[in-house]
Amino acid sequence: MSKDDMVYLGHMLDMARKIATKVHGISRQTYDNDENLRLALAHLVQVIGEAARRVSVHSQTNYAKVPWREIIGMRHKIVHDYMDVDEDVVWEVATKDIPPLITMLAAIVPHDEHG
């Protein structure tokens, strides 16, 4: 794997962990009432998608269990439809999709680089 791909995967893992930390113990009502949290989560999801978009096709193929298309698609949705971000989808991503993504990425990224 290229050094660049490892950097992008590390960024994805770092941002996913930030999302997990931000939603830990948080209710949907708290999310709905906290504009800063909503903006932060949307931004972090966007950053994950941007990093995923930059991972080479070779690495994406080697790690086919990572849902690359969905991750990149979410980034496009947030960037291009920023006036109509679906908060239900962002919450679902943050609470349901991020934990397994962290597990997948942690198995790829060396622990000593992103522990």
PDB file of N, CA and C in Angstrom:
ATOM      1  N   MET A   1       0.852  -1.173   0.000  1.00  0.00           N
ATOM      2  CA  MET A   1       0.000   0.000   0.000  1.00  0.00           C
ATOM      3  C   MET A   1       0.897   1.234   0.000  1.00  0.00           C
ATOM      4  N   SER A   2       0.470   2.248  -0.738  1.00  0.00           N
ATOM      5  CA  SER A   2       1.273   3.469  -0.814  1.00  0.00           C
ATOM      6  C   SER A   2       1.214   4.243   0.507  1.00  0.00           C
ATOM      7  N   LYS A   3       2.245   5.043   0.699  1.00  0.00           N
ATOM      8  CA  LYS A   3       2.288   5.883   1.903  1.00  0.00           C
ATOM      9  C   LYS A   3       1.093   6.840   1.920  1.00  0.00           C
ATOM     10  N   ASP A   4       0.745   7.397   0.754  1.00  0.00           N
ATOM     11  CA  ASP A   4      -0.403   8.306   0.679  1.00  0.00           C
ATOM     12  C   ASP A   4      -1.689   7.610   1.119  1.00  0.00           C
ATOM     13  N   ASP A   5      -1.898   6.390   0.635  1.00  0.00           N
ATOM     14  CA  ASP A   5      -3.103   5.660   1.028  1.00  0.00           C
ATOM     15  C   ASP A   5      -3.143   5.448   2.536  1.00  0.00           C
ATOM     16  N   MET A   6      -2.002   5.127   3.113  1.00  0.00           N
ATOM     17  CA  MET A   6      -1.959   4.909   4.564  1.00  0.00           C
ATOM     18  C   MET A   6      -2.303   6.207   5.306  1.00  0.00           C
ATOM     19  N   VAL A   7      -1.838   7.341   4.780  1.00  0.00           N
ATOM     20  CA  VAL A   7      -2.172   8.636   5.388  1.00  0.00           C
ATOM     21  C   VAL A   7      -3.680   8.873   5.310  1.00  0.00           C
ATOM     22  N   TYR A   8      -4.271   8.639   4.145  1.00  0.00           N
ATOM     23  CA  TYR A   8      -5.717   8.854   3.989  1.00  0.00           C
ATOM     24  C   TYR A   8      -6.514   7.913   4.893  1.00  0.00           C
ATOM     25  N   LEU A   9      -6.111   6.672   4.956  1.00  0.00           N
ATOM     26  CA  LEU A   9      -6.796   5.717   5.832  1.00  0.00           C
ATOM     27  C   LEU A   9      -6.654   6.122   7.295  1.00  0.00           C
ATOM     28  N   GLY A  10      -5.491   6.628   7.649  1.00  0.00           N
ATOM     29  CA  GLY A  10      -5.286   7.120   9.012  1.00  0.00           C
ATOM     30  C   GLY A  10      -6.188   8.298   9.332  1.00  0.00           C
ATOM     31  N   HIS A  11      -6.349   9.206   8.348  1.00  0.00           N
ATOM     32  CA  HIS A  11      -7.257  10.344   8.550  1.00  0.00           C
ATOM     33  C   HIS A  11      -8.691   9.849   8.722  1.00  0.00           C
ATOM     34  N   MET A  12      -9.075   8.890   7.906  1.00  0.00           N
ATOM     35  CA  MET A  12     -10.421   8.338   8.030  1.00  0.00           C
ATOM     36  C   MET A  12     -10.639   7.761   9.424  1.00  0.00           C
ATOM     37  N   LEU A  13      -9.667   7.005   9.895  1.00  0.00           N
ATOM     38  CA  LEU A  13      -9.776   6.395  11.220  1.00  0.00           C
ATOM     39  C   LEU A  13      -9.832   7.458  12.313  1.00  0.00           C
ATOM     40  N   ASP A  14      -8.982   8.459  12.218  1.00  0.00           N
ATOM     41  CA  ASP A  14      -8.981   9.537  13.217  1.00  0.00           C
ATOM     42  C   ASP A  14     -10.332  10.247  13.269  1.00  0.00           C
ATOM     43  N   MET A  15     -10.876  10.589  12.101  1.00  0.00           N
ATOM     44  CA  MET A  15     -12.153  11.307  12.055  1.00  0.00           C
ATOM     45  C   MET A  15     -13.294  10.415  12.540  1.00  0.00           C
ATOM     46  N   ALA A  16     -13.253   9.137  12.186  1.00  0.00           N
ATOM     47  CA  ALA A  16     -14.292   8.209  12.649  1.00  0.00           C
ATOM     48  C   ALA A  16     -14.266   8.098  14.173  1.00  0.00           C
ATOM     49  N   ARG A  17     -13.080   8.053  14.733  1.00  0.00           N
ATOM     50  CA  ARG A  17     -12.971   8.001  16.201  1.00  0.00           C
ATOM     51  C   ARG A  17     -13.488   9.285  16.839  1.00  0.00           C
ATOM     52  N   LYS A  18     -13.258  10.414  16.201  1.00  0.00           N
ATOM     53  CA  LYS A  18     -13.796  11.678  16.725  1.00  0.00           C
ATOM     54  C   LYS A  18     -15.318  11.649  16.718  1.00  0.00           C
ATOM     55  N   ILE A  19     -15.893  11.126  15.649  1.00  0.00           N
ATOM     56  CA  ILE A  19     -17.351  11.016  15.583  1.00  0.00           C
ATOM     57  C   ILE A  19     -17.851  10.129  16.716  1.00  0.00           C
ATOM     58  N   ALA A  20     -17.228   8.981  16.888  1.00  0.00           N
ATOM     59  CA  ALA A  20     -17.653   8.048  17.943  1.00  0.00           C
ATOM     60  C   ALA A  20     -17.585   8.704  19.316  1.00  0.00           C
ATOM     61  N   THR A  21     -16.552   9.478  19.542  1.00  0.00           N
ATOM     62  CA  THR A  21     -16.409  10.178  20.824  1.00  0.00           C
ATOM     63  C   THR A  21     -17.510  11.213  21.000  1.00  0.00           C
ATOM     64  N   LYS A  22     -17.815  11.948  19.933  1.00  0.00           N
ATOM     65  CA  LYS A  22     -18.820  13.009  20.024  1.00  0.00           C
ATOM     66  C   LYS A  22     -20.227  12.469  20.256  1.00  0.00           C
ATOM     67  N   VAL A  23     -20.542  11.286  19.740  1.00  0.00           N
ATOM     68  CA  VAL A  23     -21.904  10.761  19.903  1.00  0.00           C
ATOM     69  C   VAL A  23     -22.035   9.811  21.094  1.00  0.00           C
ATOM     70  N   HIS A  24     -20.933   9.472  21.715  1.00  0.00           N
ATOM     71  CA  HIS A  24     -20.985   8.551  22.859  1.00  0.00           C
ATOM     72  C   HIS A  24     -21.846   9.152  23.979  1.00  0.00           C
ATOM     73  N   GLY A  25     -22.898   8.435  24.330  1.00  0.00           N
ATOM     74  CA  GLY A  25     -23.777   8.865  25.411  1.00  0.00           C
ATOM     75  C   GLY A  25     -24.713  10.007  25.050  1.00  0.00           C
ATOM     76  N   ILE A  26     -24.769  10.357  23.781  1.00  0.00           N
ATOM     77  CA  ILE A  26     -25.607  11.477  23.327  1.00  0.00           C
ATOM     78  C   ILE A  26     -26.914  10.923  22.761  1.00  0.00           C
ATOM     79  N   SER A  27     -28.016  11.532  23.128  1.00  0.00           N
ATOM     80  CA  SER A  27     -29.317  11.121  22.593  1.00  0.00           C
ATOM     81  C   SER A  27     -29.581  11.833  21.270  1.00  0.00           C
ATOM     82  N   ARG A  28     -30.529  11.300  20.540  1.00  0.00           N
ATOM     83  CA  ARG A  28     -30.925  11.938  19.284  1.00  0.00           C
ATOM     84  C   ARG A  28     -31.483  13.331  19.569  1.00  0.00           C
ATOM     85  N   GLN A  29     -32.191  13.489  20.658  1.00  0.00           N
ATOM     86  CA  GLN A  29     -32.743  14.800  21.006  1.00  0.00           C
ATOM     87  C   GLN A  29     -31.618  15.808  21.244  1.00  0.00           C
ATOM     88  N   THR A  30     -30.579  15.389  21.929  1.00  0.00           N
ATOM     89  CA  THR A  30     -29.428  16.273  22.155  1.00  0.00           C
ATOM     90  C   THR A  30     -28.810  16.661  20.825  1.00  0.00           C
ATOM     91  N   TYR A  31     -28.646  15.682  19.944  1.00  0.00           N
ATOM     92  CA  TYR A  31     -28.111  15.944  18.602  1.00  0.00           C
ATOM     93  C   TYR A  31     -28.979  16.971  17.875  1.00  0.00           C
ATOM     94  N   ASP A  32     -30.284  16.754  17.884  1.00  0.00           N
ATOM     95  CA  ASP A  32     -31.198  17.661  17.185  1.00  0.00           C
ATOM     96  C   ASP A  32     -31.138  19.082  17.731  1.00  0.00           C
ATOM     97  N   ASN A  33     -30.882  19.228  19.017  1.00  0.00           N
ATOM     98  CA  ASN A  33     -30.882  20.547  19.655  1.00  0.00           C
ATOM     99  C   ASN A  33     -29.512  21.219  19.703  1.00  0.00           C
ATOM    100  N   ASP A  34     -28.483  20.553  19.204  1.00  0.00           N
ATOM    101  CA  ASP A  34     -27.120  21.086  19.282  1.00  0.00           C
ATOM    102  C   ASP A  34     -26.570  21.335  17.876  1.00  0.00           C
ATOM    103  N   GLU A  35     -26.736  22.565  17.422  1.00  0.00           N
ATOM    104  CA  GLU A  35     -26.294  22.908  16.066  1.00  0.00           C
ATOM    105  C   GLU A  35     -24.798  22.670  15.879  1.00  0.00           C
ATOM    106  N   ASN A  36     -24.008  22.996  16.886  1.00  0.00           N
ATOM    107  CA  ASN A  36     -22.562  22.787  16.763  1.00  0.00           C
ATOM    108  C   ASN A  36     -22.226  21.308  16.578  1.00  0.00           C
ATOM    109  N   LEU A  37     -22.914  20.450  17.289  1.00  0.00           N
ATOM    110  CA  LEU A  37     -22.694  19.015  17.139  1.00  0.00           C
ATOM    111  C   LEU A  37     -23.107  18.553  15.746  1.00  0.00           C
ATOM    112  N   ARG A  38     -24.257  19.013  15.274  1.00  0.00           N
ATOM    113  CA  ARG A  38     -24.716  18.625  13.934  1.00  0.00           C
ATOM    114  C   ARG A  38     -23.717  19.068  12.873  1.00  0.00           C
ATOM    115  N   LEU A  39     -23.232  20.301  12.982  1.00  0.00           N
ATOM    116  CA  LEU A  39     -22.255  20.803  12.014  1.00  0.00           C
ATOM    117  C   LEU A  39     -20.940  20.030  12.100  1.00  0.00           C
ATOM    118  N   ALA A  40     -20.510  19.733  13.316  1.00  0.00           N
ATOM    119  CA  ALA A  40     -19.253  18.994  13.503  1.00  0.00           C
ATOM    120  C   ALA A  40     -19.347  17.597  12.893  1.00  0.00           C
ATOM    121  N   LEU A  41     -20.436  16.905  13.157  1.00  0.00           N
ATOM    122  CA  LEU A  41     -20.577  15.549  12.621  1.00  0.00           C
ATOM    123  C   LEU A  41     -20.647  15.561  11.106  1.00  0.00           C
ATOM    124  N   ALA A  42     -21.397  16.500  10.539  1.00  0.00           N
ATOM    125  CA  ALA A  42     -21.466  16.592   9.078  1.00  0.00           C
ATOM    126  C   ALA A  42     -20.081  16.850   8.498  1.00  0.00           C
ATOM    127  N   HIS A  43     -19.328  17.732   9.134  1.00  0.00           N
ATOM    128  CA  HIS A  43     -17.981  18.030   8.649  1.00  0.00           C
ATOM    129  C   HIS A  43     -17.078  16.801   8.745  1.00  0.00           C
ATOM    130  N   LEU A  44     -17.111  16.102   9.864  1.00  0.00           N
ATOM    131  CA  LEU A  44     -16.261  14.926  10.035  1.00  0.00           C
ATOM    132  C   LEU A  44     -16.616  13.831   9.028  1.00  0.00           C
ATOM    133  N   VAL A  45     -17.898  13.639   8.774  1.00  0.00           N
ATOM    134  CA  VAL A  45     -18.325  12.668   7.759  1.00  0.00           C
ATOM    135  C   VAL A  45     -17.804  13.100   6.391  1.00  0.00           C
ATOM    136  N   GLN A  46     -17.865  14.391   6.123  1.00  0.00           N
ATOM    137  CA  GLN A  46     -17.358  14.930   4.861  1.00  0.00           C
ATOM    138  C   GLN A  46     -15.856  14.669   4.726  1.00  0.00           C
ATOM    139  N   VAL A  47     -15.101  14.893   5.778  1.00  0.00           N
ATOM    140  CA  VAL A  47     -13.651  14.667   5.747  1.00  0.00           C
ATOM    141  C   VAL A  47     -13.343  13.189   5.509  1.00  0.00           C
ATOM    142  N   ILE A  48     -14.091  12.305   6.151  1.00  0.00           N
ATOM    143  CA  ILE A  48     -13.903  10.868   5.913  1.00  0.00           C
ATOM    144  C   ILE A  48     -14.133  10.557   4.436  1.00  0.00           C
ATOM    145  N   GLY A  49     -15.190  11.115   3.874  1.00  0.00           N
ATOM    146  CA  GLY A  49     -15.487  10.880   2.462  1.00  0.00           C
ATOM    147  C   GLY A  49     -14.424  11.429   1.539  1.00  0.00           C
ATOM    148  N   GLU A  50     -13.897  12.592   1.871  1.00  0.00           N
ATOM    149  CA  GLU A  50     -12.838  13.186   1.052  1.00  0.00           C
ATOM    150  C   GLU A  50     -11.585  12.323   1.101  1.00  0.00           C
ATOM    151  N   ALA A  51     -11.220  11.853   2.276  1.00  0.00           N
ATOM    152  CA  ALA A  51     -10.044  10.978   2.390  1.00  0.00           C
ATOM    153  C   ALA A  51     -10.283   9.670   1.633  1.00  0.00           C
ATOM    154  N   ALA A  52     -11.479   9.107   1.755  1.00  0.00           N
ATOM    155  CA  ALA A  52     -11.809   7.862   1.051  1.00  0.00           C
ATOM    156  C   ALA A  52     -11.709   8.044  -0.458  1.00  0.00           C
ATOM    157  N   ARG A  53     -12.138   9.195  -0.929  1.00  0.00           N
ATOM    158  CA  ARG A  53     -12.098   9.494  -2.361  1.00  0.00           C
ATOM    159  C   ARG A  53     -10.669   9.487  -2.893  1.00  0.00           C
ATOM    160  N   ARG A  54      -9.718   9.793  -2.032  1.00  0.00           N
ATOM    161  CA  ARG A  54      -8.320   9.881  -2.439  1.00  0.00           C
ATOM    162  C   ARG A  54      -7.555   8.559  -2.310  1.00  0.00           C
ATOM    163  N   VAL A  55      -8.152   7.576  -1.659  1.00  0.00           N
ATOM    164  CA  VAL A  55      -7.512   6.258  -1.557  1.00  0.00           C
ATOM    165  C   VAL A  55      -7.507   5.629  -2.950  1.00  0.00           C
ATOM    166  N   SER A  56      -6.382   5.061  -3.337  1.00  0.00           N
ATOM    167  CA  SER A  56      -6.238   4.495  -4.681  1.00  0.00           C
ATOM    168  C   SER A  56      -7.244   3.372  -4.925  1.00  0.00           C
ATOM    169  N   VAL A  57      -7.574   3.182  -6.193  1.00  0.00           N
ATOM    170  CA  VAL A  57      -8.468   2.096  -6.585  1.00  0.00           C
ATOM    171  C   VAL A  57      -7.860   0.758  -6.158  1.00  0.00           C
ATOM    172  N   HIS A  58      -6.558   0.639  -6.262  1.00  0.00           N
ATOM    173  CA  HIS A  58      -5.871  -0.591  -5.856  1.00  0.00           C
ATOM    174  C   HIS A  58      -6.156  -0.907  -4.381  1.00  0.00           C
ATOM    175  N   SER A  59      -5.982   0.073  -3.517  1.00  0.00           N
ATOM    176  CA  SER A  59      -6.238  -0.153  -2.090  1.00  0.00           C
ATOM    177  C   SER A  59      -7.722  -0.361  -1.819  1.00  0.00           C
ATOM    178  N   GLN A  60      -8.570   0.369  -2.525  1.00  0.00           N
ATOM    179  CA  GLN A  60     -10.013   0.161  -2.354  1.00  0.00           C
ATOM    180  C   GLN A  60     -10.392  -1.269  -2.722  1.00  0.00           C
ATOM    181  N   THR A  61      -9.773  -1.786  -3.773  1.00  0.00           N
ATOM    182  CA  THR A  61     -10.037  -3.161  -4.195  1.00  0.00           C
ATOM    183  C   THR A  61      -9.505  -4.159  -3.168  1.00  0.00           C
ATOM    184  N   ASN A  62      -8.326  -3.884  -2.634  1.00  0.00           N
ATOM    185  CA  ASN A  62      -7.734  -4.777  -1.628  1.00  0.00           C
ATOM    186  C   ASN A  62      -8.547  -4.817  -0.337  1.00  0.00           C
ATOM    187  N   TYR A  63      -9.239  -3.739  -0.038  1.00  0.00           N
ATOM    188  CA  TYR A  63     -10.050  -3.656   1.185  1.00  0.00           C
ATOM    189  C   TYR A  63     -11.511  -3.452   0.796  1.00  0.00           C
ATOM    190  N   ALA A  64     -12.013  -4.405   0.045  1.00  0.00           N
ATOM    191  CA  ALA A  64     -13.347  -4.300  -0.549  1.00  0.00           C
ATOM    192  C   ALA A  64     -14.474  -4.321   0.481  1.00  0.00           C
ATOM    193  N   LYS A  65     -14.200  -4.768   1.709  1.00  0.00           N
ATOM    194  CA  LYS A  65     -15.255  -4.776   2.734  1.00  0.00           C
ATOM    195  C   LYS A  65     -15.574  -3.373   3.237  1.00  0.00           C
ATOM    196  N   VAL A  66     -14.655  -2.440   3.037  1.00  0.00           N
ATOM    197  CA  VAL A  66     -14.922  -1.042   3.396  1.00  0.00           C
ATOM    198  C   VAL A  66     -15.934  -0.512   2.378  1.00  0.00           C
ATOM    199  N   PRO A  67     -17.019   0.095   2.814  1.00  0.00           N
ATOM    200  CA  PRO A  67     -18.056   0.568   1.884  1.00  0.00           C
ATOM    201  C   PRO A  67     -17.661   1.886   1.198  1.00  0.00           C
ATOM    202  N   TRP A  68     -16.659   1.812   0.333  1.00  0.00           N
ATOM    203  CA  TRP A  68     -16.085   3.002  -0.301  1.00  0.00           C
ATOM    204  C   TRP A  68     -17.137   3.854  -0.996  1.00  0.00           C
ATOM    205  N   ARG A  69     -17.954   3.227  -1.822  1.00  0.00           N
ATOM    206  CA  ARG A  69     -18.941   3.970  -2.619  1.00  0.00           C
ATOM    207  C   ARG A  69     -19.897   4.748  -1.719  1.00  0.00           C
ATOM    208  N   GLU A  70     -20.351   4.122  -0.655  1.00  0.00           N
ATOM    209  CA  GLU A  70     -21.284   4.785   0.256  1.00  0.00           C
ATOM    210  C   GLU A  70     -20.609   5.932   1.006  1.00  0.00           C
ATOM    211  N   ILE A  71     -19.370   5.711   1.427  1.00  0.00           N
ATOM    212  CA  ILE A  71     -18.635   6.755   2.147  1.00  0.00           C
ATOM    213  C   ILE A  71     -18.419   7.964   1.247  1.00  0.00           C
ATOM    214  N   ILE A  72     -17.968   7.716   0.038  1.00  0.00           N
ATOM    215  CA  ILE A  72     -17.716   8.807  -0.911  1.00  0.00           C
ATOM    216  C   ILE A  72     -19.034   9.466  -1.308  1.00  0.00           C
ATOM    217  N   GLY A  73     -20.079   8.667  -1.474  1.00  0.00           N
ATOM    218  CA  GLY A  73     -21.389   9.208  -1.821  1.00  0.00           C
ATOM    219  C   GLY A  73     -21.929  10.142  -0.748  1.00  0.00           C
ATOM    220  N   MET A  74     -21.700   9.802   0.513  1.00  0.00           N
ATOM    221  CA  MET A  74     -22.142  10.670   1.609  1.00  0.00           C
ATOM    222  C   MET A  74     -21.398  11.994   1.559  1.00  0.00           C
ATOM    223  N   ARG A  75     -20.122  11.948   1.265  1.00  0.00           N
ATOM    224  CA  ARG A  75     -19.333  13.176   1.140  1.00  0.00           C
ATOM    225  C   ARG A  75     -19.921  14.061   0.044  1.00  0.00           C
ATOM    226  N   HIS A  76     -20.214  13.460  -1.115  1.00  0.00           N
ATOM    227  CA  HIS A  76     -20.787  14.234  -2.221  1.00  0.00           C
ATOM    228  C   HIS A  76     -22.127  14.845  -1.815  1.00  0.00           C
ATOM    229  N   LYS A  77     -22.933  14.077  -1.113  1.00  0.00           N
ATOM    230  CA  LYS A  77     -24.252  14.560  -0.677  1.00  0.00           C
ATOM    231  C   LYS A  77     -24.104  15.779   0.234  1.00  0.00           C
ATOM    232  N   ILE A  78     -23.185  15.713   1.183  1.00  0.00           N
ATOM    233  CA  ILE A  78     -23.001  16.833   2.112  1.00  0.00           C
ATOM    234  C   ILE A  78     -22.421  18.046   1.400  1.00  0.00           C
ATOM    235  N   VAL A  79     -21.437  17.827   0.536  1.00  0.00           N
ATOM    236  CA  VAL A  79     -20.782  18.946  -0.148  1.00  0.00           C
ATOM    237  C   VAL A  79     -21.712  19.604  -1.158  1.00  0.00           C
ATOM    238  N   HIS A  80     -22.401  18.794  -1.951  1.00  0.00           N
ATOM    239  CA  HIS A  80     -23.187  19.356  -3.046  1.00  0.00           C
ATOM    240  C   HIS A  80     -24.623  19.690  -2.663  1.00  0.00           C
ATOM    241  N   ASP A  81     -25.148  19.059  -1.639  1.00  0.00           N
ATOM    242  CA  ASP A  81     -26.512  19.342  -1.184  1.00  0.00           C
ATOM    243  C   ASP A  81     -26.490  19.922   0.222  1.00  0.00           C
ATOM    244  N   TYR A  82     -25.521  20.798   0.466  1.00  0.00           N
ATOM    245  CA  TYR A  82     -25.301  21.313   1.824  1.00  0.00           C
ATOM    246  C   TYR A  82     -26.515  22.029   2.395  1.00  0.00           C
ATOM    247  N   MET A  83     -27.402  22.523   1.559  1.00  0.00           N
ATOM    248  CA  MET A  83     -28.604  23.210   2.053  1.00  0.00           C
ATOM    249  C   MET A  83     -29.690  22.211   2.456  1.00  0.00           C
ATOM    250  N   ASP A  84     -29.487  20.955   2.101  1.00  0.00           N
ATOM    251  CA  ASP A  84     -30.513  19.946   2.360  1.00  0.00           C
ATOM    252  C   ASP A  84     -29.890  18.684   2.961  1.00  0.00           C
ATOM    253  N   VAL A  85     -29.023  18.867   3.971  1.00  0.00           N
ATOM    254  CA  VAL A  85     -28.406  17.718   4.630  1.00  0.00           C
ATOM    255  C   VAL A  85     -29.471  17.016   5.466  1.00  0.00           C
ATOM    256  N   ASP A  86     -29.619  15.735   5.253  1.00  0.00           N
ATOM    257  CA  ASP A  86     -30.608  14.941   5.981  1.00  0.00           C
ATOM    258  C   ASP A  86     -30.019  14.548   7.333  1.00  0.00           C
ATOM    259  N   GLU A  87     -30.502  15.191   8.383  1.00  0.00           N
ATOM    260  CA  GLU A  87     -29.974  14.946   9.726  1.00  0.00           C
ATOM    261  C   GLU A  87     -30.209  13.505  10.175  1.00  0.00           C
ATOM    262  N   ASP A  88     -31.280  12.877   9.693  1.00  0.00           N
ATOM    263  CA  ASP A  88     -31.517  11.473  10.022  1.00  0.00           C
ATOM    264  C   ASP A  88     -30.381  10.603   9.489  1.00  0.00           C
ATOM    265  N   VAL A  89     -29.934  10.903   8.278  1.00  0.00           N
ATOM    266  CA  VAL A  89     -28.862  10.122   7.664  1.00  0.00           C
ATOM    267  C   VAL A  89     -27.543  10.357   8.391  1.00  0.00           C
ATOM    268  N   VAL A  90     -27.235  11.604   8.714  1.00  0.00           N
ATOM    269  CA  VAL A  90     -25.986  11.901   9.426  1.00  0.00           C
ATOM    270  C   VAL A  90     -25.982  11.194  10.782  1.00  0.00           C
ATOM    271  N   TRP A  91     -27.103  11.251  11.499  1.00  0.00           N
ATOM    272  CA  TRP A  91     -27.189  10.578  12.798  1.00  0.00           C
ATOM    273  C   TRP A  91     -27.015   9.064  12.636  1.00  0.00           C
ATOM    274  N   GLU A  92     -27.649   8.506  11.637  1.00  0.00           N
ATOM    275  CA  GLU A  92     -27.533   7.063  11.373  1.00  0.00           C
ATOM    276  C   GLU A  92     -26.084   6.682  11.060  1.00  0.00           C
ATOM    277  N   VAL A  93     -25.440   7.471  10.229  1.00  0.00           N
ATOM    278  CA  VAL A  93     -24.032   7.220   9.908  1.00  0.00           C
ATOM    279  C   VAL A  93     -23.193   7.273  11.183  1.00  0.00           C
ATOM    280  N   ALA A  94     -23.395   8.323  11.970  1.00  0.00           N
ATOM    281  CA  ALA A  94     -22.580   8.534  13.172  1.00  0.00           C
ATOM    282  C   ALA A  94     -22.776   7.434  14.210  1.00  0.00           C
ATOM    283  N   THR A  95     -23.996   6.963  14.356  1.00  0.00           N
ATOM    284  CA  THR A  95     -24.282   6.010  15.431  1.00  0.00           C
ATOM    285  C   THR A  95     -24.269   4.547  14.994  1.00  0.00           C
ATOM    286  N   LYS A  96     -24.530   4.281  13.730  1.00  0.00           N
ATOM    287  CA  LYS A  96     -24.626   2.891  13.262  1.00  0.00           C
ATOM    288  C   LYS A  96     -23.476   2.486  12.332  1.00  0.00           C
ATOM    289  N   ASP A  97     -23.070   3.380  11.437  1.00  0.00           N
ATOM    290  CA  ASP A  97     -22.073   3.023  10.425  1.00  0.00           C
ATOM    291  C   ASP A  97     -20.635   3.250  10.877  1.00  0.00           C
ATOM    292  N   ILE A  98     -20.430   4.228  11.728  1.00  0.00           N
ATOM    293  CA  ILE A  98     -19.064   4.562  12.149  1.00  0.00           C
ATOM    294  C   ILE A  98     -18.423   3.460  13.003  1.00  0.00           C
ATOM    295  N   PRO A  99     -19.115   2.867  13.976  1.00  0.00           N
ATOM    296  CA  PRO A  99     -18.442   1.827  14.777  1.00  0.00           C
ATOM    297  C   PRO A  99     -17.842   0.681  13.947  1.00  0.00           C
ATOM    298  N   PRO A 100     -18.589   0.091  12.984  1.00  0.00           N
ATOM    299  CA  PRO A 100     -17.948  -0.961  12.190  1.00  0.00           C
ATOM    300  C   PRO A 100     -16.845  -0.423  11.272  1.00  0.00           C
ATOM    301  N   LEU A 101     -16.975   0.821  10.833  1.00  0.00           N
ATOM    302  CA  LEU A 101     -15.918   1.415  10.010  1.00  0.00           C
ATOM    303  C   LEU A 101     -14.633   1.544  10.819  1.00  0.00           C
ATOM    304  N   ILE A 102     -14.754   1.952  12.064  1.00  0.00           N
ATOM    305  CA  ILE A 102     -13.572   2.049  12.933  1.00  0.00           C
ATOM    306  C   ILE A 102     -12.893   0.684  13.042  1.00  0.00           C
ATOM    307  N   THR A 103     -13.676  -0.356  13.227  1.00  0.00           N
ATOM    308  CA  THR A 103     -13.121  -1.710  13.327  1.00  0.00           C
ATOM    309  C   THR A 103     -12.380  -2.088  12.049  1.00  0.00           C
ATOM    310  N   MET A 104     -12.987  -1.821  10.899  1.00  0.00           N
ATOM    311  CA  MET A 104     -12.352  -2.144   9.618  1.00  0.00           C
ATOM    312  C   MET A 104     -11.053  -1.370   9.430  1.00  0.00           C
ATOM    313  N   LEU A 105     -11.104  -0.067   9.686  1.00  0.00           N
ATOM    314  CA  LEU A 105      -9.922   0.769   9.473  1.00  0.00           C
ATOM    315  C   LEU A 105      -8.819   0.451  10.474  1.00  0.00           C
ATOM    316  N   ALA A 106      -9.189   0.157  11.701  1.00  0.00           N
ATOM    317  CA  ALA A 106      -8.187  -0.172  12.724  1.00  0.00           C
ATOM    318  C   ALA A 106      -7.430  -1.449  12.364  1.00  0.00           C
ATOM    319  N   ALA A 107      -8.066  -2.336  11.608  1.00  0.00           N
ATOM    320  CA  ALA A 107      -7.403  -3.563  11.169  1.00  0.00           C
ATOM    321  C   ALA A 107      -6.421  -3.298  10.025  1.00  0.00           C
ATOM    322  N   ILE A 108      -6.571  -2.154   9.357  1.00  0.00           N
ATOM    323  CA  ILE A 108      -5.713  -1.804   8.222  1.00  0.00           C
ATOM    324  C   ILE A 108      -4.570  -0.897   8.645  1.00  0.00           C
ATOM    325  N   VAL A 109      -4.890   0.104   9.450  1.00  0.00           N
ATOM    326  CA  VAL A 109      -3.915   1.133   9.833  1.00  0.00           C
ATOM    327  C   VAL A 109      -3.077   0.625  11.007  1.00  0.00           C
ATOM    328  N   PRO A 110      -1.755   0.680  10.871  1.00  0.00           N
ATOM    329  CA  PRO A 110      -0.903   0.230  11.980  1.00  0.00           C
ATOM    330  C   PRO A 110      -1.202   0.991  13.267  1.00  0.00           C
ATOM    331  N   HIS A 111      -1.276   0.260  14.363  1.00  0.00           N
ATOM    332  CA  HIS A 111      -1.624   0.836  15.667  1.00  0.00           C
ATOM    333  C   HIS A 111      -0.654   1.925  16.102  1.00  0.00           C
ATOM    334  N   ASP A 112       0.623   1.747  15.808  1.00  0.00           N
ATOM    335  CA  ASP A 112       1.609   2.725  16.274  1.00  0.00           C
ATOM    336  C   ASP A 112       1.495   4.060  15.556  1.00  0.00           C
ATOM    337  N   GLU A 113       0.818   4.087  14.409  1.00  0.00           N
ATOM    338  CA  GLU A 113       0.639   5.346  13.689  1.00  0.00           C
ATOM    339  C   GLU A 113      -0.627   6.076  14.119  1.00  0.00           C
ATOM    340  N   HIS A 114      -1.666   5.316  14.441  1.00  0.00           N
ATOM    341  CA  HIS A 114      -2.957   5.923  14.787  1.00  0.00           C
ATOM    342  C   HIS A 114      -3.593   5.134  15.912  1.00  0.00           C
ATOM    343  N   GLY A 115      -3.006   5.209  17.109  1.00  0.00           N
ATOM    344  CA  GLY A 115      -3.523   4.422  18.223  1.00  0.00           C
ATOM    345  C   GLY A 115      -4.406   5.207  19.076  1.00  0.00           C
TER     346      GLY A 115
END
